[in-house]
All heavy atoms as atom14 arrays in JSON, in Angstrom:
{
  "sequence": "AVISDFSLGLFLAMSLMSMQLWTIAGLAGPLMVILLLQTLAAVAF",
  "atom14_mask": [
    [1, 1, 1, 1, 1, 0, 0, 0, 0, 0, 0, 0, 0, 0],
    [1, 1, 1, 1, 1, 1, 1, 0, 0, 0, 0, 0, 0, 0],
    [1, 1, 1, 1, 1, 1, 1, 1, 0, 0, 0, 0, 0, 0],
    [1, 1, 1, 1, 1, 1, 0, 0, 0, 0, 0, 0, 0, 0],
    [1, 1, 1, 1, 1, 1, 1, 1, 0, 0, 0, 0, 0, 0],
    [1, 1, 1, 1, 1, 1, 1, 1, 1, 1, 1, 0, 0, 0],
    [1, 1, 1, 1, 1, 1, 0, 0, 0, 0, 0, 0, 0, 0],
    [1, 1, 1, 1, 1, 1, 1, 1, 0, 0, 0, 0, 0, 0],
    [1, 1, 1, 1, 0, 0, 0, 0, 0, 0, 0, 0, 0, 0],
    [1, 1, 1, 1, 1, 1, 1, 1, 0, 0, 0, 0, 0, 0],
    [1, 1, 1, 1, 1, 1, 1, 1, 1, 1, 1, 0, 0, 0],
    [1, 1, 1, 1, 1, 1, 1, 1, 0, 0, 0, 0, 0, 0],
    [1, 1, 1, 1, 1, 0, 0, 0, 0, 0, 0, 0, 0, 0],
    [1, 1, 1, 1, 1, 1, 1, 1, 0, 0, 0, 0, 0, 0],
    [1, 1, 1, 1, 1, 1, 0, 0, 0, 0, 0, 0, 0, 0],
    [1, 1, 1, 1, 1, 1, 1, 1, 0, 0, 0, 0, 0, 0],
    [1, 1, 1, 1, 1, 1, 1, 1, 0, 0, 0, 0, 0, 0],
    [1, 1, 1, 1, 1, 1, 0, 0, 0, 0, 0, 0, 0, 0],
    [1, 1, 1, 1, 1, 1, 1, 1, 0, 0, 0, 0, 0, 0],
    [1, 1, 1, 1, 1, 1, 1, 1, 1, 0, 0, 0, 0, 0],
    [1, 1, 1, 1, 1, 1, 1, 1, 0, 0, 0, 0, 0, 0],
    [1, 1, 1, 1, 1, 1, 1, 1, 1, 1, 1, 1, 1, 1],
    [1, 1, 1, 1, 1, 1, 1, 0, 0, 0, 0, 0, 0, 0],
    [1, 1, 1, 1, 1, 1, 1, 1, 0, 0, 0, 0, 0, 0],
    [1, 1, 1, 1, 1, 0, 0, 0, 0, 0, 0, 0, 0, 0],
    [1, 1, 1, 1, 0, 0, 0, 0, 0, 0, 0, 0, 0, 0],
    [1, 1, 1, 1, 1, 1, 1, 1, 0, 0, 0, 0, 0, 0],
    [1, 1, 1, 1, 1, 0, 0, 0, 0, 0, 0, 0, 0, 0],
    [1, 1, 1, 1, 0, 0, 0, 0, 0, 0, 0, 0, 0, 0],
    [1, 1, 1, 1, 1, 1, 1, 0, 0, 0, 0, 0, 0, 0],
    [1, 1, 1, 1, 1, 1, 1, 1, 0, 0, 0, 0, 0, 0],
    [1, 1, 1, 1, 1, 1, 1, 1, 0, 0, 0, 0, 0, 0],
    [1, 1, 1, 1, 1, 1, 1, 0, 0, 0, 0, 0, 0, 0],
    [1, 1, 1, 1, 1, 1, 1, 1, 0, 0, 0, 0, 0, 0],
    [1, 1, 1, 1, 1, 1, 1, 1, 0, 0, 0, 0, 0, 0],
    [1, 1, 1, 1, 1, 1, 1, 1, 0, 0, 0, 0, 0, 0],
    [1, 1, 1, 1, 1, 1, 1, 1, 0, 0, 0, 0, 0, 0],
    [1, 1, 1, 1, 1, 1, 1, 1, 1, 0, 0, 0, 0, 0],
    [1, 1, 1, 1, 1, 1, 1, 0, 0, 0, 0, 0, 0, 0],
    [1, 1, 1, 1, 1, 1, 1, 1, 0, 0, 0, 0, 0, 0],
    [1, 1, 1, 1, 1, 0, 0, 0, 0, 0, 0, 0, 0, 0],
    [1, 1, 1, 1, 1, 0, 0, 0, 0, 0, 0, 0, 0, 0],
    [1, 1, 1, 1, 1, 1, 1, 0, 0, 0, 0, 0, 0, 0],
    [1, 1, 1, 1, 1, 0, 0, 0, 0, 0, 0, 0, 0, 0],
    [1, 1, 1, 1, 1, 1, 1, 1, 1, 1, 1, 0, 0, 0]
  ],
  "atom14_positions": [
    [[43.44, 10.74, -22.94], [43.29, 11.8, -23.94], [44.03, 11.44, -25.22], [43.53, 11.67, -26.34], [43.81, 13.12, -23.37], [0.0, 0.0, 0.0], [0.0, 0.0, 0.0], [0.0, 0.0, 0.0], [0.0, 0.0, 0.0], [0.0, 0.0, 0.0], [0.0, 0.0, 0.0], [0.0, 0.0, 0.0], [0.0, 0.0, 0.0], [0.0, 0.0, 0.0]],
    [[45.22, 10.86, -25.08], [46.01, 10.5, -26.26], [45.35, 9.36, -27.03], [45.29, 9.38, -28.27], [47.45, 10.13, -25.85], [48.2, 9.48, -27.0], [48.2, 11.38, -25.39], [0.0, 0.0, 0.0], [0.0, 0.0, 0.0], [0.0, 0.0, 0.0], [0.0, 0.0, 0.0], [0.0, 0.0, 0.0], [0.0, 0.0, 0.0], [0.0, 0.0, 0.0]],
    [[44.84, 8.35, -26.31], [44.17, 7.23, -26.98], [42.91, 7.73, -27.7], [42.61, 7.31, -28.82], [43.83, 6.13, -25.96], [45.12, 5.45, -25.49], [42.89, 5.09, -26.58], [44.93, 4.47, -24.37], [0.0, 0.0, 0.0], [0.0, 0.0, 0.0], [0.0, 0.0, 0.0], [0.0, 0.0, 0.0], [0.0, 0.0, 0.0], [0.0, 0.0, 0.0]],
    [[42.16, 8.63, -27.07], [40.97, 9.19, -27.72], [41.34, 9.96, -28.97], [40.69, 9.85, -30.02], [40.23, 10.11, -26.72], [39.75, 9.39, -25.62], [0.0, 0.0, 0.0], [0.0, 0.0, 0.0], [0.0, 0.0, 0.0], [0.0, 0.0, 0.0], [0.0, 0.0, 0.0], [0.0, 0.0, 0.0], [0.0, 0.0, 0.0], [0.0, 0.0, 0.0]],
    [[42.41, 10.75, -28.89], [42.86, 11.53, -30.03], [43.32, 10.62, -31.16], [43.02, 10.85, -32.34], [44.0, 12.45, -29.59], [44.18, 13.64, -30.53], [43.23, 13.98, -31.24], [45.27, 14.23, -30.52], [0.0, 0.0, 0.0], [0.0, 0.0, 0.0], [0.0, 0.0, 0.0], [0.0, 0.0, 0.0], [0.0, 0.0, 0.0], [0.0, 0.0, 0.0]],
    [[44.05, 9.57, -30.81], [44.52, 8.58, -31.78], [43.33, 7.94, -32.51], [43.31, 7.85, -33.74], [45.35, 7.52, -31.05], [45.73, 6.34, -31.89], [46.85, 6.38, -32.7], [44.98, 5.17, -31.86], [47.21, 5.28, -33.48], [45.32, 4.08, -32.64], [46.44, 4.13, -33.45], [0.0, 0.0, 0.0], [0.0, 0.0, 0.0], [0.0, 0.0, 0.0]],
    [[42.34, 7.52, -31.74], [41.18, 6.83, -32.31], [40.4, 7.75, -33.24], [40.03, 7.38, -34.36], [40.25, 6.32, -31.2], [40.94, 5.44, -30.34], [0.0, 0.0, 0.0], [0.0, 0.0, 0.0], [0.0, 0.0, 0.0], [0.0, 0.0, 0.0], [0.0, 0.0, 0.0], [0.0, 0.0, 0.0], [0.0, 0.0, 0.0], [0.0, 0.0, 0.0]],
    [[40.15, 8.98, -32.79], [39.39, 9.92, -33.6], [40.16, 10.31, -34.85], [39.59, 10.39, -35.95], [39.06, 11.17, -32.79], [38.3, 12.27, -33.53], [36.93, 11.79, -33.97], [38.18, 13.52, -32.67], [0.0, 0.0, 0.0], [0.0, 0.0, 0.0], [0.0, 0.0, 0.0], [0.0, 0.0, 0.0], [0.0, 0.0, 0.0], [0.0, 0.0, 0.0]],
    [[41.46, 10.57, -34.7], [42.27, 10.99, -35.83], [42.29, 9.96, -36.94], [42.1, 10.28, -38.12], [0.0, 0.0, 0.0], [0.0, 0.0, 0.0], [0.0, 0.0, 0.0], [0.0, 0.0, 0.0], [0.0, 0.0, 0.0], [0.0, 0.0, 0.0], [0.0, 0.0, 0.0], [0.0, 0.0, 0.0], [0.0, 0.0, 0.0], [0.0, 0.0, 0.0]],
    [[42.49, 8.68, -36.58], [42.54, 7.64, -37.6], [41.15, 7.36, -38.17], [41.02, 7.05, -39.35], [43.15, 6.37, -37.02], [44.65, 6.44, -36.73], [45.2, 5.05, -36.43], [45.43, 7.05, -37.88], [0.0, 0.0, 0.0], [0.0, 0.0, 0.0], [0.0, 0.0, 0.0], [0.0, 0.0, 0.0], [0.0, 0.0, 0.0], [0.0, 0.0, 0.0]],
    [[40.11, 7.46, -37.33], [38.75, 7.29, -37.85], [38.47, 8.31, -38.95], [37.97, 7.98, -40.03], [37.72, 7.43, -36.73], [36.3, 7.45, -37.23], [35.59, 6.27, -37.39], [35.67, 8.65, -37.58], [34.28, 6.28, -37.88], [34.37, 8.66, -38.06], [33.68, 7.48, -38.22], [0.0, 0.0, 0.0], [0.0, 0.0, 0.0], [0.0, 0.0, 0.0]],
    [[38.79, 9.56, -38.68], [38.49, 10.61, -39.65], [39.39, 10.5, -40.87], [38.94, 10.72, -42.01], [38.66, 11.99, -38.99], [37.98, 13.16, -39.69], [36.49, 12.89, -39.89], [38.17, 14.44, -38.89], [0.0, 0.0, 0.0], [0.0, 0.0, 0.0], [0.0, 0.0, 0.0], [0.0, 0.0, 0.0], [0.0, 0.0, 0.0], [0.0, 0.0, 0.0]],
    [[40.66, 10.14, -40.67], [41.56, 9.95, -41.81], [41.03, 8.86, -42.73], [41.01, 9.01, -43.96], [42.97, 9.59, -41.31], [0.0, 0.0, 0.0], [0.0, 0.0, 0.0], [0.0, 0.0, 0.0], [0.0, 0.0, 0.0], [0.0, 0.0, 0.0], [0.0, 0.0, 0.0], [0.0, 0.0, 0.0], [0.0, 0.0, 0.0], [0.0, 0.0, 0.0]],
    [[40.57, 7.73, -42.15], [40.02, 6.65, -42.97], [38.75, 7.09, -43.7], [38.54, 6.75, -44.86], [39.7, 5.44, -42.08], [40.91, 4.69, -41.58], [40.41, 3.23, -40.63], [41.98, 2.76, -39.89], [0.0, 0.0, 0.0], [0.0, 0.0, 0.0], [0.0, 0.0, 0.0], [0.0, 0.0, 0.0], [0.0, 0.0, 0.0], [0.0, 0.0, 0.0]],
    [[37.9, 7.84, -43.0], [36.64, 8.27, -43.6], [36.87, 9.15, -44.82], [36.2, 9.0, -45.86], [35.79, 9.02, -42.57], [35.42, 8.18, -41.5], [0.0, 0.0, 0.0], [0.0, 0.0, 0.0], [0.0, 0.0, 0.0], [0.0, 0.0, 0.0], [0.0, 0.0, 0.0], [0.0, 0.0, 0.0], [0.0, 0.0, 0.0], [0.0, 0.0, 0.0]],
    [[37.83, 10.06, -44.73], [38.06, 11.01, -45.82], [38.91, 10.4, -46.93], [38.66, 10.64, -48.11], [38.71, 12.28, -45.28], [37.79, 13.12, -44.39], [38.56, 14.27, -43.75], [36.63, 13.68, -45.19], [0.0, 0.0, 0.0], [0.0, 0.0, 0.0], [0.0, 0.0, 0.0], [0.0, 0.0, 0.0], [0.0, 0.0, 0.0], [0.0, 0.0, 0.0]],
    [[39.92, 9.61, -46.56], [40.78, 9.04, -47.61], [40.04, 8.0, -48.44], [40.42, 7.73, -49.59], [42.04, 8.42, -47.0], [41.84, 7.08, -46.34], [43.33, 6.5, -45.51], [42.93, 4.74, -45.31], [0.0, 0.0, 0.0], [0.0, 0.0, 0.0], [0.0, 0.0, 0.0], [0.0, 0.0, 0.0], [0.0, 0.0, 0.0], [0.0, 0.0, 0.0]],
    [[38.95, 7.41, -47.89], [38.21, 6.38, -48.61], [37.12, 6.96, -49.52], [36.43, 6.22, -50.21], [37.57, 5.4, -47.62], [36.64, 6.06, -46.76], [0.0, 0.0, 0.0], [0.0, 0.0, 0.0], [0.0, 0.0, 0.0], [0.0, 0.0, 0.0], [0.0, 0.0, 0.0], [0.0, 0.0, 0.0], [0.0, 0.0, 0.0], [0.0, 0.0, 0.0]],
    [[36.97, 8.29, -49.54], [35.98, 8.9, -50.43], [36.37, 8.7, -51.89], [37.52, 8.96, -52.26], [35.84, 10.4, -50.13], [35.24, 10.72, -48.8], [34.85, 12.48, -48.61], [36.47, 13.21, -48.87], [0.0, 0.0, 0.0], [0.0, 0.0, 0.0], [0.0, 0.0, 0.0], [0.0, 0.0, 0.0], [0.0, 0.0, 0.0], [0.0, 0.0, 0.0]],
    [[35.46, 8.23, -52.69], [35.69, 8.05, -54.12], [35.08, 9.25, -54.85], [33.93, 9.24, -55.27], [35.08, 6.73, -54.59], [35.74, 5.52, -53.92], [35.13, 4.21, -54.36], [33.92, 4.11, -54.57], [35.95, 3.18, -54.51], [0.0, 0.0, 0.0], [0.0, 0.0, 0.0], [0.0, 0.0, 0.0], [0.0, 0.0, 0.0], [0.0, 0.0, 0.0]],
    [[35.9, 10.28, -54.98], [35.4, 11.56, -55.48], [34.88, 11.47, -56.91], [34.01, 12.27, -57.3], [36.51, 12.62, -55.39], [37.01, 12.94, -53.96], [38.14, 13.95, -54.0], [35.87, 13.44, -53.08], [0.0, 0.0, 0.0], [0.0, 0.0, 0.0], [0.0, 0.0, 0.0], [0.0, 0.0, 0.0], [0.0, 0.0, 0.0], [0.0, 0.0, 0.0]],
    [[35.37, 10.52, -57.7], [34.91, 10.41, -59.08], [33.44, 9.97, -59.17], [32.78, 10.21, -60.16], [35.79, 9.44, -59.85], [35.87, 8.06, -59.27], [35.05, 7.01, -59.55], [36.81, 7.6, -58.31], [35.41, 5.91, -58.82], [36.51, 6.24, -58.05], [37.89, 8.18, -57.65], [37.24, 5.46, -57.15], [38.62, 7.41, -56.76], [38.3, 6.07, -56.51]],
    [[32.94, 9.36, -58.11], [31.54, 8.9, -58.15], [30.55, 10.04, -58.02], [29.36, 9.86, -58.3], [31.29, 7.87, -57.03], [31.47, 8.51, -55.75], [32.23, 6.69, -57.14], [0.0, 0.0, 0.0], [0.0, 0.0, 0.0], [0.0, 0.0, 0.0], [0.0, 0.0, 0.0], [0.0, 0.0, 0.0], [0.0, 0.0, 0.0], [0.0, 0.0, 0.0]],
    [[31.02, 11.2, -57.53], [30.09, 12.32, -57.34], [30.29, 13.42, -58.38], [29.54, 14.39, -58.38], [30.23, 12.92, -55.93], [31.63, 13.55, -55.74], [29.98, 11.88, -54.86], [31.8, 14.27, -54.43], [0.0, 0.0, 0.0], [0.0, 0.0, 0.0], [0.0, 0.0, 0.0], [0.0, 0.0, 0.0], [0.0, 0.0, 0.0], [0.0, 0.0, 0.0]],
    [[31.28, 13.24, -59.27], [31.59, 14.31, -60.22], [30.4, 14.64, -61.12], [30.09, 15.81, -61.36], [32.8, 13.92, -61.07], [0.0, 0.0, 0.0], [0.0, 0.0, 0.0], [0.0, 0.0, 0.0], [0.0, 0.0, 0.0], [0.0, 0.0, 0.0], [0.0, 0.0, 0.0], [0.0, 0.0, 0.0], [0.0, 0.0, 0.0], [0.0, 0.0, 0.0]],
    [[29.68, 13.62, -61.59], [28.57, 13.86, -62.49], [27.33, 14.43, -61.82], [26.41, 14.86, -62.49], [0.0, 0.0, 0.0], [0.0, 0.0, 0.0], [0.0, 0.0, 0.0], [0.0, 0.0, 0.0], [0.0, 0.0, 0.0], [0.0, 0.0, 0.0], [0.0, 0.0, 0.0], [0.0, 0.0, 0.0], [0.0, 0.0, 0.0], [0.0, 0.0, 0.0]],
    [[27.31, 14.4, -60.49], [26.13, 14.88, -59.76], [26.37, 16.23, -59.08], [25.47, 16.76, -58.44], [25.76, 13.85, -58.69], [25.38, 12.46, -59.2], [25.31, 11.48, -58.03], [24.05, 12.49, -59.93], [0.0, 0.0, 0.0], [0.0, 0.0, 0.0], [0.0, 0.0, 0.0], [0.0, 0.0, 0.0], [0.0, 0.0, 0.0], [0.0, 0.0, 0.0]],
    [[27.57, 16.75, -59.22], [27.96, 17.88, -58.38], [27.43, 19.22, -58.85], [27.48, 20.18, -58.09], [29.5, 17.95, -58.29], [0.0, 0.0, 0.0], [0.0, 0.0, 0.0], [0.0, 0.0, 0.0], [0.0, 0.0, 0.0], [0.0, 0.0, 0.0], [0.0, 0.0, 0.0], [0.0, 0.0, 0.0], [0.0, 0.0, 0.0], [0.0, 0.0, 0.0]],
    [[26.9, 19.36, -60.08], [26.48, 20.66, -60.6], [25.39, 21.34, -59.8], [25.67, 22.19, -58.95], [0.0, 0.0, 0.0], [0.0, 0.0, 0.0], [0.0, 0.0, 0.0], [0.0, 0.0, 0.0], [0.0, 0.0, 0.0], [0.0, 0.0, 0.0], [0.0, 0.0, 0.0], [0.0, 0.0, 0.0], [0.0, 0.0, 0.0], [0.0, 0.0, 0.0]],
    [[24.12, 20.99, -60.02], [23.03, 21.62, -59.25], [23.14, 21.39, -57.75], [22.74, 22.24, -56.96], [21.78, 20.95, -59.82], [22.18, 20.42, -61.15], [23.62, 20.05, -61.02], [0.0, 0.0, 0.0], [0.0, 0.0, 0.0], [0.0, 0.0, 0.0], [0.0, 0.0, 0.0], [0.0, 0.0, 0.0], [0.0, 0.0, 0.0], [0.0, 0.0, 0.0]],
    [[23.69, 20.22, -57.38], [23.81, 19.93, -55.95], [24.72, 20.93, -55.25], [24.51, 21.28, -54.09], [24.36, 18.51, -55.74], [23.44, 17.35, -56.12], [24.1, 16.02, -55.79], [22.1, 17.47, -55.41], [0.0, 0.0, 0.0], [0.0, 0.0, 0.0], [0.0, 0.0, 0.0], [0.0, 0.0, 0.0], [0.0, 0.0, 0.0], [0.0, 0.0, 0.0]],
    [[25.76, 21.4, -55.95], [26.69, 22.35, -55.33], [26.0, 23.67, -55.01], [26.34, 24.33, -54.03], [27.9, 22.59, -56.24], [28.87, 21.43, -56.3], [29.43, 20.86, -54.66], [30.25, 22.33, -54.05], [0.0, 0.0, 0.0], [0.0, 0.0, 0.0], [0.0, 0.0, 0.0], [0.0, 0.0, 0.0], [0.0, 0.0, 0.0], [0.0, 0.0, 0.0]],
    [[25.02, 24.05, -55.84], [24.26, 25.27, -55.55], [23.47, 25.09, -54.25], [23.49, 25.96, -53.36], [23.29, 25.6, -56.71], [22.43, 26.81, -56.34], [24.09, 25.88, -57.98], [0.0, 0.0, 0.0], [0.0, 0.0, 0.0], [0.0, 0.0, 0.0], [0.0, 0.0, 0.0], [0.0, 0.0, 0.0], [0.0, 0.0, 0.0], [0.0, 0.0, 0.0]],
    [[22.8, 23.93, -54.12], [22.02, 23.67, -52.91], [22.94, 23.58, -51.69], [22.65, 24.15, -50.64], [21.22, 22.36, -53.06], [20.29, 22.45, -54.28], [20.42, 22.09, -51.8], [19.56, 21.15, -54.58], [0.0, 0.0, 0.0], [0.0, 0.0, 0.0], [0.0, 0.0, 0.0], [0.0, 0.0, 0.0], [0.0, 0.0, 0.0], [0.0, 0.0, 0.0]],
    [[24.07, 22.89, -51.85], [24.98, 22.7, -50.72], [25.68, 24.0, -50.34], [26.03, 24.21, -49.18], [26.0, 21.61, -51.04], [25.39, 20.21, -51.17], [26.44, 19.21, -51.62], [24.78, 19.76, -49.84], [0.0, 0.0, 0.0], [0.0, 0.0, 0.0], [0.0, 0.0, 0.0], [0.0, 0.0, 0.0], [0.0, 0.0, 0.0], [0.0, 0.0, 0.0]],
    [[25.89, 24.89, -51.33], [26.42, 26.21, -51.0], [25.43, 26.98, -50.14], [25.81, 27.61, -49.14], [26.73, 26.99, -52.28], [27.19, 28.44, -52.09], [28.49, 28.49, -51.28], [27.37, 29.14, -53.44], [0.0, 0.0, 0.0], [0.0, 0.0, 0.0], [0.0, 0.0, 0.0], [0.0, 0.0, 0.0], [0.0, 0.0, 0.0], [0.0, 0.0, 0.0]],
    [[24.15, 26.91, -50.5], [23.11, 27.55, -49.67], [23.07, 26.93, -48.28], [22.91, 27.64, -47.28], [21.74, 27.41, -50.36], [21.54, 28.19, -51.66], [20.17, 27.85, -52.25], [21.66, 29.69, -51.42], [0.0, 0.0, 0.0], [0.0, 0.0, 0.0], [0.0, 0.0, 0.0], [0.0, 0.0, 0.0], [0.0, 0.0, 0.0], [0.0, 0.0, 0.0]],
    [[23.22, 25.6, -48.2], [23.22, 24.93, -46.9], [24.4, 25.39, -46.05], [24.27, 25.59, -44.83], [23.29, 23.41, -47.09], [22.05, 22.79, -47.7], [20.88, 22.71, -46.72], [20.86, 23.38, -45.69], [19.9, 21.9, -47.06], [0.0, 0.0, 0.0], [0.0, 0.0, 0.0], [0.0, 0.0, 0.0], [0.0, 0.0, 0.0], [0.0, 0.0, 0.0]],
    [[25.55, 25.57, -46.67], [26.73, 26.01, -45.94], [26.54, 27.43, -45.41], [26.84, 27.73, -44.24], [27.98, 25.95, -46.84], [28.13, 24.62, -47.34], [29.24, 26.34, -46.06], [0.0, 0.0, 0.0], [0.0, 0.0, 0.0], [0.0, 0.0, 0.0], [0.0, 0.0, 0.0], [0.0, 0.0, 0.0], [0.0, 0.0, 0.0], [0.0, 0.0, 0.0]],
    [[26.04, 28.32, -46.27], [25.79, 29.71, -45.84], [24.76, 29.76, -44.72], [24.91, 30.52, -43.76], [25.33, 30.54, -47.03], [26.36, 30.75, -48.15], [25.73, 31.48, -49.33], [27.58, 31.51, -47.64], [0.0, 0.0, 0.0], [0.0, 0.0, 0.0], [0.0, 0.0, 0.0], [0.0, 0.0, 0.0], [0.0, 0.0, 0.0], [0.0, 0.0, 0.0]],
    [[23.72, 28.93, -44.84], [22.68, 28.89, -43.8], [23.26, 28.39, -42.48], [22.95, 28.93, -41.41], [21.53, 27.99, -44.25], [0.0, 0.0, 0.0], [0.0, 0.0, 0.0], [0.0, 0.0, 0.0], [0.0, 0.0, 0.0], [0.0, 0.0, 0.0], [0.0, 0.0, 0.0], [0.0, 0.0, 0.0], [0.0, 0.0, 0.0], [0.0, 0.0, 0.0]],
    [[24.11, 27.36, -42.54], [24.71, 26.82, -41.32], [25.6, 27.86, -40.64], [25.55, 28.04, -39.41], [25.51, 25.56, -41.65], [0.0, 0.0, 0.0], [0.0, 0.0, 0.0], [0.0, 0.0, 0.0], [0.0, 0.0, 0.0], [0.0, 0.0, 0.0], [0.0, 0.0, 0.0], [0.0, 0.0, 0.0], [0.0, 0.0, 0.0], [0.0, 0.0, 0.0]],
    [[26.42, 28.54, -41.42], [27.32, 29.55, -40.85], [26.52, 30.68, -40.22], [26.82, 31.13, -39.11], [28.27, 30.09, -41.95], [29.07, 31.29, -41.42], [29.22, 29.0, -42.42], [0.0, 0.0, 0.0], [0.0, 0.0, 0.0], [0.0, 0.0, 0.0], [0.0, 0.0, 0.0], [0.0, 0.0, 0.0], [0.0, 0.0, 0.0], [0.0, 0.0, 0.0]],
    [[25.49, 31.16, -40.92], [24.66, 32.24, -40.37], [23.94, 31.8, -39.1], [23.88, 32.55, -38.11], [23.64, 32.69, -41.42], [0.0, 0.0, 0.0], [0.0, 0.0, 0.0], [0.0, 0.0, 0.0], [0.0, 0.0, 0.0], [0.0, 0.0, 0.0], [0.0, 0.0, 0.0], [0.0, 0.0, 0.0], [0.0, 0.0, 0.0], [0.0, 0.0, 0.0]],
    [[23.42, 30.58, -39.09], [22.72, 30.07, -37.91], [23.67, 29.99, -36.71], [23.3, 30.36, -35.59], [22.15, 28.68, -38.23], [21.35, 28.07, -37.11], [20.02, 28.4, -36.93], [21.93, 27.17, -36.22], [19.28, 27.83, -35.9], [21.21, 26.6, -35.19], [19.87, 26.93, -35.03], [0.0, 0.0, 0.0], [0.0, 0.0, 0.0], [0.0, 0.0, 0.0]]
  ]
}
């Protein structure tokens, strides 16, 4: 259980810390409206 937790924790930490947020800044406007709808739909579902 500890080895599994260790592996998953570091995998996710690497995945999120490696995001280059500046690459999506120029695309985030209309996309955020769509993704907000997707989030609301997922929560309701």
